[in-house]
């Protein structure tokens, strides 16, 4: 949904309400673990801290959606549970207008490894893009480094996203960089 101005809390709430029943905009849950044909695959990894304590802070920051506190992008509801089935609205300010995009948490990461934690969300049919994105923090046993990895598999879905594809790609790259900085800030400030 593209808007000329920032939507009111009521508009965001209606968007979230109608998003609950929408299907994903892609076919197979788990595509972020693959390299599917016809999709862009983007990854960004950065060190956001060192130590087991920093890893715990990074996990807490992911659970609190701190990696979306960017100034130009927000997640609603702000206290959304990181659990499969949770629907969120991603609000983005870009090029003088706003967009609301629906996503659903589709799976958790790190169940088999206590030194990893994260989740994936998939785009709903009211999102400008189609695809899945994972957000994961890991603790290196050897170095104690805490890394944050984003892996996105996407392709444009809405007409505006296809028309402005180079701009959309630039915004996606900006999000990966800014998200890593936001998570690092959250880890260091706790």
N, C-alpha and C. Protein backbone atom coordinates (compact mmCIF):
# COMPACT_ATOMS: atom_id res chain seq x y z
N UNK A 1 0.84 -1.16 0.00
CA UNK A 1 0.00 0.00 0.00
C UNK A 1 0.90 1.24 0.00
N UNK A 2 0.77 2.06 -1.01
CA UNK A 2 1.55 3.29 -1.11
C UNK A 2 0.67 4.47 -0.71
N UNK A 3 1.26 5.40 0.07
CA UNK A 3 0.51 6.51 0.64
C UNK A 3 1.28 7.82 0.44
N UNK A 4 0.55 8.92 0.29
CA UNK A 4 1.17 10.24 0.10
C UNK A 4 1.71 10.81 1.40
N UNK A 5 1.21 10.32 2.55
CA UNK A 5 1.69 10.82 3.84
C UNK A 5 1.72 9.67 4.84
N UNK A 6 2.32 9.93 5.98
CA UNK A 6 2.41 8.91 7.01
C UNK A 6 1.00 8.48 7.43
N UNK A 7 0.74 7.18 7.46
CA UNK A 7 -0.61 6.73 7.85
C UNK A 7 -0.84 6.92 9.35
N UNK A 8 -2.09 7.14 9.68
CA UNK A 8 -2.49 7.30 11.08
C UNK A 8 -2.43 5.93 11.77
N UNK A 9 -2.41 5.92 13.10
CA UNK A 9 -2.47 4.64 13.82
C UNK A 9 -3.70 3.81 13.43
N UNK A 10 -4.82 4.47 13.14
CA UNK A 10 -6.04 3.75 12.75
C UNK A 10 -5.86 3.06 11.39
N UNK A 11 -5.21 3.74 10.46
CA UNK A 11 -4.96 3.14 9.13
C UNK A 11 -4.02 1.94 9.28
N UNK A 12 -3.01 2.08 10.11
CA UNK A 12 -2.07 0.96 10.33
C UNK A 12 -2.80 -0.20 10.99
N UNK A 13 -3.66 0.07 11.94
CA UNK A 13 -4.42 -1.00 12.61
C UNK A 13 -5.34 -1.71 11.62
N UNK A 14 -6.02 -0.97 10.76
CA UNK A 14 -6.88 -1.60 9.73
C UNK A 14 -6.04 -2.45 8.79
N UNK A 15 -4.88 -1.93 8.40
CA UNK A 15 -3.99 -2.68 7.51
C UNK A 15 -3.59 -4.00 8.17
N UNK A 16 -3.20 -3.94 9.45
CA UNK A 16 -2.83 -5.15 10.17
C UNK A 16 -3.99 -6.13 10.26
N UNK A 17 -5.16 -5.61 10.53
CA UNK A 17 -6.35 -6.46 10.66
C UNK A 17 -6.65 -7.20 9.36
N UNK A 18 -6.62 -6.48 8.24
CA UNK A 18 -6.90 -7.15 6.95
C UNK A 18 -5.76 -8.06 6.52
N UNK A 19 -4.56 -7.79 7.02
CA UNK A 19 -3.40 -8.61 6.64
C UNK A 19 -3.44 -10.01 7.27
N UNK A 20 -4.13 -10.15 8.40
CA UNK A 20 -4.11 -11.41 9.14
C UNK A 20 -4.48 -12.61 8.28
N UNK A 21 -5.47 -12.45 7.42
CA UNK A 21 -5.98 -13.58 6.63
C UNK A 21 -5.33 -13.69 5.25
N UNK A 22 -4.42 -12.79 4.91
CA UNK A 22 -3.83 -12.82 3.57
C UNK A 22 -2.82 -13.95 3.44
N UNK A 23 -2.69 -14.49 2.22
CA UNK A 23 -1.68 -15.52 1.98
C UNK A 23 -0.31 -14.91 1.77
N UNK A 24 0.71 -15.74 1.86
CA UNK A 24 2.05 -15.31 1.48
C UNK A 24 2.07 -15.01 -0.01
N UNK A 25 2.97 -14.16 -0.44
CA UNK A 25 3.04 -13.77 -1.86
C UNK A 25 4.03 -14.63 -2.65
N UNK A 26 4.46 -15.72 -2.06
CA UNK A 26 5.36 -16.66 -2.73
C UNK A 26 4.90 -18.06 -2.32
N UNK A 27 5.41 -19.07 -3.00
CA UNK A 27 4.83 -20.40 -2.82
C UNK A 27 5.41 -21.23 -1.69
N UNK A 28 6.70 -21.22 -1.52
CA UNK A 28 7.32 -22.20 -0.63
C UNK A 28 8.00 -21.55 0.57
N UNK A 29 7.49 -21.84 1.77
CA UNK A 29 8.16 -21.37 2.98
C UNK A 29 9.54 -22.02 3.03
N UNK A 30 10.54 -21.23 3.36
CA UNK A 30 11.90 -21.73 3.43
C UNK A 30 12.77 -21.32 2.26
N UNK A 31 12.24 -20.48 1.35
CA UNK A 31 13.05 -20.10 0.19
C UNK A 31 14.28 -19.28 0.56
N UNK A 32 14.28 -18.65 1.74
CA UNK A 32 15.46 -17.88 2.15
C UNK A 32 16.64 -18.80 2.45
N UNK A 33 16.39 -20.09 2.56
CA UNK A 33 17.47 -21.06 2.77
C UNK A 33 18.00 -21.59 1.43
N UNK A 34 17.42 -21.12 0.34
CA UNK A 34 17.77 -21.60 -1.00
C UNK A 34 18.21 -20.43 -1.88
N UNK A 35 18.49 -20.75 -3.14
CA UNK A 35 18.78 -19.75 -4.16
C UNK A 35 17.81 -19.96 -5.32
N UNK A 36 16.53 -19.64 -5.13
CA UNK A 36 15.53 -19.95 -6.15
C UNK A 36 15.67 -19.11 -7.41
N UNK A 37 15.37 -19.72 -8.55
CA UNK A 37 15.42 -19.02 -9.83
C UNK A 37 14.39 -17.89 -9.84
N UNK A 38 14.76 -16.77 -10.43
CA UNK A 38 13.85 -15.64 -10.56
C UNK A 38 13.81 -14.72 -9.35
N UNK A 39 14.61 -15.01 -8.33
CA UNK A 39 14.65 -14.18 -7.12
C UNK A 39 16.05 -13.61 -6.95
N UNK A 40 16.13 -12.42 -6.39
CA UNK A 40 17.41 -11.86 -5.97
C UNK A 40 17.74 -12.45 -4.61
N UNK A 41 19.00 -12.80 -4.40
CA UNK A 41 19.46 -13.30 -3.12
C UNK A 41 20.49 -12.30 -2.60
N UNK A 42 20.23 -11.76 -1.42
CA UNK A 42 21.11 -10.75 -0.82
C UNK A 42 21.43 -11.17 0.60
N UNK A 43 22.70 -10.99 0.98
CA UNK A 43 23.13 -11.30 2.34
C UNK A 43 23.99 -10.16 2.86
N UNK A 44 23.90 -9.98 4.16
CA UNK A 44 24.75 -9.00 4.84
C UNK A 44 25.08 -9.58 6.21
N UNK A 45 26.37 -9.63 6.54
CA UNK A 45 26.80 -10.12 7.84
C UNK A 45 27.73 -9.09 8.45
N UNK A 46 27.51 -8.81 9.73
CA UNK A 46 28.39 -7.88 10.43
C UNK A 46 28.53 -8.31 11.89
N UNK A 47 29.64 -7.92 12.48
CA UNK A 47 29.88 -8.18 13.90
C UNK A 47 29.18 -7.07 14.68
N UNK A 48 28.36 -7.47 15.66
CA UNK A 48 27.60 -6.50 16.45
C UNK A 48 28.00 -6.50 17.93
N UNK A 49 28.97 -7.35 18.29
CA UNK A 49 29.43 -7.40 19.67
C UNK A 49 30.36 -8.56 19.89
N UNK A 50 30.81 -8.72 21.13
CA UNK A 50 31.70 -9.82 21.53
C UNK A 50 31.30 -10.28 22.92
N UNK A 51 31.18 -11.55 23.13
CA UNK A 51 30.90 -12.18 24.43
C UNK A 51 29.52 -12.83 24.44
N UNK A 52 29.37 -13.76 25.37
CA UNK A 52 28.09 -14.43 25.55
C UNK A 52 27.02 -13.43 26.00
N UNK A 53 27.41 -12.45 26.81
CA UNK A 53 26.45 -11.44 27.26
C UNK A 53 25.95 -10.61 26.07
N UNK A 54 26.84 -10.26 25.15
CA UNK A 54 26.45 -9.51 23.96
C UNK A 54 25.51 -10.34 23.09
N UNK A 55 25.75 -11.65 23.02
CA UNK A 55 24.87 -12.54 22.27
C UNK A 55 23.46 -12.52 22.88
N UNK A 56 23.36 -12.57 24.18
CA UNK A 56 22.05 -12.52 24.83
C UNK A 56 21.35 -11.19 24.57
N UNK A 57 22.11 -10.09 24.57
CA UNK A 57 21.54 -8.78 24.25
C UNK A 57 21.08 -8.73 22.79
N UNK A 58 21.85 -9.36 21.90
CA UNK A 58 21.48 -9.39 20.48
C UNK A 58 20.18 -10.18 20.29
N UNK A 59 20.05 -11.29 20.99
CA UNK A 59 18.81 -12.07 20.92
C UNK A 59 17.63 -11.23 21.40
N UNK A 60 17.81 -10.55 22.53
CA UNK A 60 16.76 -9.69 23.04
C UNK A 60 16.40 -8.57 22.09
N UNK A 61 17.41 -8.02 21.43
CA UNK A 61 17.16 -6.94 20.46
C UNK A 61 16.36 -7.44 19.27
N UNK A 62 16.66 -8.65 18.78
CA UNK A 62 15.86 -9.21 17.69
C UNK A 62 14.42 -9.43 18.15
N UNK A 63 14.25 -9.96 19.34
CA UNK A 63 12.90 -10.20 19.86
C UNK A 63 12.11 -8.91 20.01
N UNK A 64 12.80 -7.80 20.24
CA UNK A 64 12.15 -6.49 20.39
C UNK A 64 12.13 -5.70 19.08
N UNK A 65 12.52 -6.32 17.97
CA UNK A 65 12.51 -5.69 16.65
C UNK A 65 13.38 -4.44 16.60
N UNK A 66 14.44 -4.39 17.40
CA UNK A 66 15.33 -3.23 17.41
C UNK A 66 16.04 -3.04 16.07
N UNK A 67 16.19 -4.11 15.31
CA UNK A 67 16.86 -4.03 14.01
C UNK A 67 16.01 -3.30 12.97
N UNK A 68 14.79 -2.92 13.34
CA UNK A 68 13.92 -2.13 12.47
C UNK A 68 13.78 -0.69 12.95
N UNK A 69 14.45 -0.31 14.00
CA UNK A 69 14.37 1.07 14.50
C UNK A 69 15.37 1.92 13.74
N UNK A 70 14.96 2.36 12.56
CA UNK A 70 15.87 3.01 11.63
C UNK A 70 15.55 4.48 11.39
N UNK A 71 14.42 4.96 11.85
CA UNK A 71 14.02 6.33 11.57
C UNK A 71 13.20 6.42 10.30
N UNK A 72 13.56 5.70 9.28
CA UNK A 72 12.82 5.73 8.02
C UNK A 72 12.01 4.44 7.81
N UNK A 73 12.11 3.51 8.76
CA UNK A 73 11.38 2.25 8.69
C UNK A 73 10.98 1.83 10.10
N UNK A 74 9.77 1.29 10.23
CA UNK A 74 9.27 0.84 11.53
C UNK A 74 8.44 -0.42 11.34
N UNK A 75 8.27 -1.18 12.43
CA UNK A 75 7.42 -2.37 12.44
C UNK A 75 6.27 -2.13 13.40
N UNK A 76 5.07 -2.55 12.99
CA UNK A 76 3.87 -2.48 13.83
C UNK A 76 3.21 -3.84 13.89
N UNK A 77 2.69 -4.26 15.03
CA UNK A 77 2.78 -3.56 16.29
C UNK A 77 4.21 -3.57 16.80
N UNK A 78 4.56 -2.56 17.56
CA UNK A 78 5.95 -2.42 18.02
C UNK A 78 6.36 -3.54 18.97
N UNK A 79 5.41 -4.18 19.60
CA UNK A 79 5.71 -5.26 20.53
C UNK A 79 5.31 -6.63 19.97
N UNK A 80 5.35 -6.77 18.65
CA UNK A 80 4.92 -8.02 18.01
C UNK A 80 5.76 -9.20 18.51
N UNK A 81 5.08 -10.31 18.74
CA UNK A 81 5.77 -11.53 19.15
C UNK A 81 6.58 -12.08 17.98
N UNK A 82 7.75 -12.58 18.28
CA UNK A 82 8.54 -13.27 17.25
C UNK A 82 8.18 -14.74 17.37
N UNK A 83 7.09 -15.10 16.69
CA UNK A 83 6.58 -16.46 16.73
C UNK A 83 5.91 -16.75 15.39
N UNK A 84 6.04 -17.97 14.88
CA UNK A 84 5.38 -18.29 13.61
C UNK A 84 3.90 -17.94 13.66
N UNK A 85 3.45 -17.26 12.60
CA UNK A 85 2.07 -16.83 12.49
C UNK A 85 1.86 -15.37 12.81
N UNK A 86 2.80 -14.73 13.51
CA UNK A 86 2.65 -13.32 13.85
C UNK A 86 2.72 -12.47 12.57
N UNK A 87 1.76 -11.57 12.42
CA UNK A 87 1.71 -10.67 11.26
C UNK A 87 2.15 -9.28 11.71
N UNK A 88 3.02 -8.67 10.91
CA UNK A 88 3.48 -7.32 11.17
C UNK A 88 3.29 -6.46 9.93
N UNK A 89 3.20 -5.16 10.16
CA UNK A 89 3.19 -4.18 9.07
C UNK A 89 4.51 -3.45 9.12
N UNK A 90 5.20 -3.41 7.99
CA UNK A 90 6.45 -2.68 7.87
C UNK A 90 6.13 -1.35 7.18
N UNK A 91 6.37 -0.26 7.91
CA UNK A 91 6.12 1.08 7.39
C UNK A 91 7.44 1.67 6.93
N UNK A 92 7.46 2.14 5.68
CA UNK A 92 8.69 2.67 5.08
C UNK A 92 8.41 4.07 4.54
N UNK A 93 9.33 4.99 4.83
CA UNK A 93 9.30 6.33 4.25
C UNK A 93 10.38 6.37 3.17
N UNK A 94 9.96 6.69 1.95
CA UNK A 94 10.93 6.73 0.85
C UNK A 94 10.48 7.68 -0.25
N UNK A 95 11.43 8.46 -0.71
CA UNK A 95 11.22 9.37 -1.84
C UNK A 95 9.99 10.26 -1.69
N UNK A 96 9.71 10.69 -0.47
CA UNK A 96 8.60 11.60 -0.26
C UNK A 96 7.25 10.95 -0.08
N UNK A 97 7.18 9.62 -0.08
CA UNK A 97 5.91 8.97 0.20
C UNK A 97 6.15 7.80 1.14
N UNK A 98 5.08 7.13 1.53
CA UNK A 98 5.13 6.05 2.51
C UNK A 98 4.56 4.78 1.91
N UNK A 99 5.00 3.65 2.44
CA UNK A 99 4.37 2.38 2.06
C UNK A 99 4.19 1.52 3.30
N UNK A 100 3.13 0.73 3.29
CA UNK A 100 2.86 -0.27 4.30
C UNK A 100 2.95 -1.62 3.62
N UNK A 101 3.67 -2.54 4.24
CA UNK A 101 3.89 -3.86 3.65
C UNK A 101 3.65 -4.93 4.71
N UNK A 102 2.83 -5.92 4.38
CA UNK A 102 2.51 -6.97 5.32
C UNK A 102 3.48 -8.14 5.26
N UNK A 103 3.85 -8.64 6.45
CA UNK A 103 4.75 -9.80 6.56
C UNK A 103 4.24 -10.72 7.67
N UNK A 104 4.60 -11.99 7.56
CA UNK A 104 4.25 -12.98 8.58
C UNK A 104 5.51 -13.71 9.00
N UNK A 105 5.73 -13.85 10.31
CA UNK A 105 6.83 -14.68 10.80
C UNK A 105 6.50 -16.12 10.40
N UNK A 106 7.43 -16.77 9.70
CA UNK A 106 7.14 -18.11 9.17
C UNK A 106 7.92 -19.23 9.86
N UNK A 107 9.09 -18.93 10.43
CA UNK A 107 9.81 -19.95 11.19
C UNK A 107 10.89 -19.30 12.04
N UNK A 108 11.37 -20.08 13.02
CA UNK A 108 12.45 -19.64 13.90
C UNK A 108 13.74 -20.33 13.49
N UNK A 109 14.85 -19.71 13.82
CA UNK A 109 16.18 -20.26 13.53
C UNK A 109 16.92 -20.49 14.84
N UNK A 110 17.77 -21.49 14.86
CA UNK A 110 18.62 -21.72 16.02
C UNK A 110 18.12 -22.76 17.00
N UNK A 111 17.03 -23.43 16.67
CA UNK A 111 16.51 -24.44 17.60
C UNK A 111 17.51 -25.55 17.86
N UNK A 112 18.32 -25.87 16.86
CA UNK A 112 19.28 -26.97 16.99
C UNK A 112 20.66 -26.52 17.45
N UNK A 113 20.87 -25.21 17.56
CA UNK A 113 22.18 -24.69 17.94
C UNK A 113 22.00 -23.56 18.95
N UNK A 114 22.43 -23.76 20.20
CA UNK A 114 22.23 -22.71 21.21
C UNK A 114 23.06 -21.45 20.97
N UNK A 115 23.98 -21.49 20.01
CA UNK A 115 24.79 -20.31 19.69
C UNK A 115 24.23 -19.53 18.50
N UNK A 116 22.99 -19.85 18.10
CA UNK A 116 22.31 -19.13 17.02
C UNK A 116 20.89 -18.83 17.45
N UNK A 117 20.40 -17.71 16.99
CA UNK A 117 19.01 -17.35 17.24
C UNK A 117 18.54 -16.45 16.11
N UNK A 118 17.31 -16.66 15.69
CA UNK A 118 16.76 -15.78 14.68
C UNK A 118 15.39 -16.23 14.22
N UNK A 119 14.94 -15.57 13.18
CA UNK A 119 13.64 -15.89 12.62
C UNK A 119 13.58 -15.45 11.16
N UNK A 120 12.55 -15.93 10.48
CA UNK A 120 12.30 -15.53 9.10
C UNK A 120 10.89 -14.99 9.01
N UNK A 121 10.73 -13.98 8.17
CA UNK A 121 9.37 -13.58 7.84
C UNK A 121 9.20 -13.61 6.34
N UNK A 122 7.96 -13.87 5.94
CA UNK A 122 7.61 -13.92 4.54
C UNK A 122 6.66 -12.79 4.19
N UNK A 123 6.73 -12.36 2.95
CA UNK A 123 5.88 -11.27 2.49
C UNK A 123 4.46 -11.77 2.24
N UNK A 124 3.50 -10.95 2.58
CA UNK A 124 2.10 -11.24 2.30
C UNK A 124 1.72 -10.65 0.95
N UNK A 125 0.53 -10.96 0.49
CA UNK A 125 0.10 -10.51 -0.84
C UNK A 125 -0.15 -9.00 -0.91
N UNK A 126 -0.05 -8.28 0.22
CA UNK A 126 -0.16 -6.82 0.19
C UNK A 126 1.21 -6.14 0.35
N UNK A 127 2.27 -6.88 0.10
CA UNK A 127 3.65 -6.37 0.17
C UNK A 127 4.11 -6.03 -1.24
N UNK A 128 4.92 -5.00 -1.39
CA UNK A 128 5.42 -4.60 -2.71
C UNK A 128 6.35 -5.63 -3.32
N UNK A 129 7.00 -6.44 -2.47
CA UNK A 129 7.92 -7.47 -2.93
C UNK A 129 7.34 -8.84 -2.61
N UNK A 130 7.89 -9.87 -3.21
CA UNK A 130 7.55 -11.25 -2.88
C UNK A 130 8.83 -11.92 -2.42
N UNK A 131 8.78 -12.58 -1.27
CA UNK A 131 9.96 -13.29 -0.81
C UNK A 131 10.01 -13.48 0.68
N UNK A 132 11.19 -13.83 1.15
CA UNK A 132 11.39 -14.20 2.54
C UNK A 132 12.72 -13.62 3.01
N UNK A 133 12.78 -13.29 4.29
CA UNK A 133 13.99 -12.69 4.84
C UNK A 133 14.27 -13.30 6.21
N UNK A 134 15.54 -13.63 6.44
CA UNK A 134 15.93 -14.16 7.75
C UNK A 134 16.80 -13.13 8.47
N UNK A 135 16.67 -13.13 9.79
CA UNK A 135 17.43 -12.27 10.68
C UNK A 135 18.01 -13.18 11.75
N UNK A 136 19.34 -13.29 11.80
CA UNK A 136 19.96 -14.28 12.69
C UNK A 136 21.18 -13.69 13.38
N UNK A 137 21.32 -13.98 14.68
CA UNK A 137 22.53 -13.65 15.41
C UNK A 137 23.21 -14.96 15.82
N UNK A 138 24.55 -14.93 15.81
CA UNK A 138 25.34 -16.11 16.13
C UNK A 138 26.50 -15.72 17.03
N UNK A 139 26.88 -16.64 17.89
CA UNK A 139 28.02 -16.46 18.78
C UNK A 139 29.11 -17.43 18.37
N UNK A 140 30.28 -16.91 18.01
CA UNK A 140 31.41 -17.76 17.63
C UNK A 140 32.05 -18.36 18.88
N UNK A 141 32.14 -19.66 18.91
CA UNK A 141 32.77 -20.34 20.05
C UNK A 141 34.26 -20.02 20.10
N UNK A 142 34.89 -19.85 18.94
CA UNK A 142 36.33 -19.61 18.87
C UNK A 142 36.71 -18.18 19.26
N UNK A 143 35.99 -17.19 18.74
CA UNK A 143 36.40 -15.79 18.93
C UNK A 143 35.51 -15.01 19.89
N UNK A 144 34.32 -15.50 20.18
CA UNK A 144 33.37 -14.76 21.01
C UNK A 144 32.65 -13.66 20.26
N UNK A 145 32.89 -13.55 18.95
CA UNK A 145 32.23 -12.52 18.14
C UNK A 145 30.75 -12.86 17.97
N UNK A 146 29.93 -11.82 18.06
CA UNK A 146 28.50 -11.96 17.81
C UNK A 146 28.25 -11.36 16.43
N UNK A 147 27.75 -12.18 15.52
CA UNK A 147 27.47 -11.70 14.18
C UNK A 147 25.96 -11.63 13.95
N UNK A 148 25.59 -10.70 13.10
CA UNK A 148 24.20 -10.51 12.70
C UNK A 148 24.16 -10.74 11.20
N UNK A 149 23.30 -11.64 10.77
CA UNK A 149 23.19 -11.95 9.35
C UNK A 149 21.75 -11.74 8.89
N UNK A 150 21.63 -11.02 7.79
CA UNK A 150 20.36 -10.88 7.09
C UNK A 150 20.51 -11.60 5.76
N UNK A 151 19.55 -12.43 5.42
CA UNK A 151 19.53 -13.09 4.11
C UNK A 151 18.14 -12.88 3.54
N UNK A 152 18.09 -12.26 2.39
CA UNK A 152 16.81 -11.94 1.75
C UNK A 152 16.74 -12.57 0.37
N UNK A 153 15.60 -13.15 0.09
CA UNK A 153 15.31 -13.72 -1.22
C UNK A 153 14.03 -13.01 -1.68
N UNK A 154 14.13 -12.21 -2.75
CA UNK A 154 12.98 -11.39 -3.13
C UNK A 154 12.95 -11.12 -4.63
N UNK A 155 11.76 -10.71 -5.04
CA UNK A 155 11.55 -10.19 -6.39
C UNK A 155 10.40 -9.20 -6.31
N UNK A 156 10.37 -8.21 -7.21
CA UNK A 156 9.29 -7.23 -7.16
C UNK A 156 7.94 -7.89 -7.47
N UNK A 157 6.90 -7.46 -6.75
CA UNK A 157 5.56 -7.99 -6.96
C UNK A 157 4.62 -6.89 -7.44
N UNK A 158 4.55 -5.78 -6.73
CA UNK A 158 3.66 -4.68 -7.09
C UNK A 158 4.20 -3.93 -8.31
N UNK A 159 3.30 -3.32 -9.05
CA UNK A 159 3.68 -2.58 -10.25
C UNK A 159 4.70 -1.49 -9.91
N UNK A 160 4.47 -0.76 -8.82
CA UNK A 160 5.40 0.31 -8.44
C UNK A 160 6.78 -0.24 -8.12
N UNK A 161 6.84 -1.43 -7.51
CA UNK A 161 8.14 -2.05 -7.20
C UNK A 161 8.84 -2.50 -8.48
N UNK A 162 8.09 -2.98 -9.45
CA UNK A 162 8.69 -3.38 -10.72
C UNK A 162 9.17 -2.15 -11.49
N UNK A 163 8.34 -1.12 -11.50
CA UNK A 163 8.70 0.11 -12.21
C UNK A 163 9.92 0.78 -11.59
N UNK A 164 9.98 0.82 -10.29
CA UNK A 164 11.09 1.45 -9.59
C UNK A 164 12.10 0.44 -9.07
N UNK A 165 12.31 -0.63 -9.81
CA UNK A 165 13.17 -1.73 -9.34
C UNK A 165 14.56 -1.27 -8.89
N UNK A 166 15.27 -0.43 -9.63
CA UNK A 166 16.59 0.01 -9.14
C UNK A 166 16.50 0.76 -7.80
N UNK A 167 15.46 1.54 -7.62
CA UNK A 167 15.28 2.27 -6.36
C UNK A 167 14.97 1.28 -5.24
N UNK A 168 14.10 0.32 -5.53
CA UNK A 168 13.76 -0.70 -4.53
C UNK A 168 15.01 -1.48 -4.11
N UNK A 169 15.86 -1.82 -5.05
CA UNK A 169 17.09 -2.55 -4.73
C UNK A 169 18.01 -1.70 -3.85
N UNK A 170 18.09 -0.40 -4.14
CA UNK A 170 18.91 0.49 -3.33
C UNK A 170 18.35 0.60 -1.91
N UNK A 171 17.02 0.66 -1.77
CA UNK A 171 16.41 0.71 -0.44
C UNK A 171 16.65 -0.59 0.33
N UNK A 172 16.62 -1.72 -0.37
CA UNK A 172 16.89 -3.00 0.29
C UNK A 172 18.32 -3.03 0.82
N UNK A 173 19.27 -2.57 0.01
CA UNK A 173 20.67 -2.54 0.45
C UNK A 173 20.83 -1.58 1.63
N UNK A 174 20.17 -0.44 1.57
CA UNK A 174 20.22 0.52 2.67
C UNK A 174 19.66 -0.12 3.95
N UNK A 175 18.55 -0.84 3.81
CA UNK A 175 17.97 -1.50 4.98
C UNK A 175 18.97 -2.47 5.62
N UNK A 176 19.64 -3.27 4.83
CA UNK A 176 20.59 -4.24 5.39
C UNK A 176 21.69 -3.52 6.17
N UNK A 177 22.25 -2.46 5.62
CA UNK A 177 23.29 -1.71 6.31
C UNK A 177 22.77 -1.05 7.58
N UNK A 178 21.64 -0.35 7.46
CA UNK A 178 21.09 0.38 8.60
C UNK A 178 20.61 -0.57 9.69
N UNK A 179 20.07 -1.71 9.30
CA UNK A 179 19.61 -2.69 10.28
C UNK A 179 20.77 -3.23 11.10
N UNK A 180 21.90 -3.48 10.45
CA UNK A 180 23.09 -3.95 11.17
C UNK A 180 23.56 -2.89 12.16
N UNK A 181 23.55 -1.64 11.76
CA UNK A 181 23.94 -0.56 12.67
C UNK A 181 22.97 -0.46 13.85
N UNK A 182 21.68 -0.59 13.57
CA UNK A 182 20.67 -0.50 14.63
C UNK A 182 20.83 -1.63 15.63
N UNK A 183 21.11 -2.83 15.14
CA UNK A 183 21.28 -3.95 16.07
C UNK A 183 22.55 -3.77 16.89
N UNK A 184 23.63 -3.30 16.26
CA UNK A 184 24.86 -3.05 16.99
C UNK A 184 24.65 -2.00 18.09
N UNK A 185 23.88 -0.94 17.78
CA UNK A 185 23.56 0.08 18.78
C UNK A 185 22.78 -0.54 19.95
N UNK A 186 21.81 -1.37 19.61
CA UNK A 186 20.99 -2.00 20.66
C UNK A 186 21.83 -2.90 21.55
N UNK A 187 22.78 -3.64 20.95
CA UNK A 187 23.64 -4.53 21.73
C UNK A 187 24.56 -3.73 22.63
N UNK A 188 25.10 -2.62 22.14
CA UNK A 188 26.05 -1.84 22.93
C UNK A 188 25.38 -0.97 23.98
N UNK A 189 24.11 -0.64 23.78
CA UNK A 189 23.44 0.27 24.71
C UNK A 189 22.78 -0.46 25.88
N UNK A 190 22.59 -1.75 25.78
CA UNK A 190 21.94 -2.49 26.87
C UNK A 190 22.86 -2.71 28.04
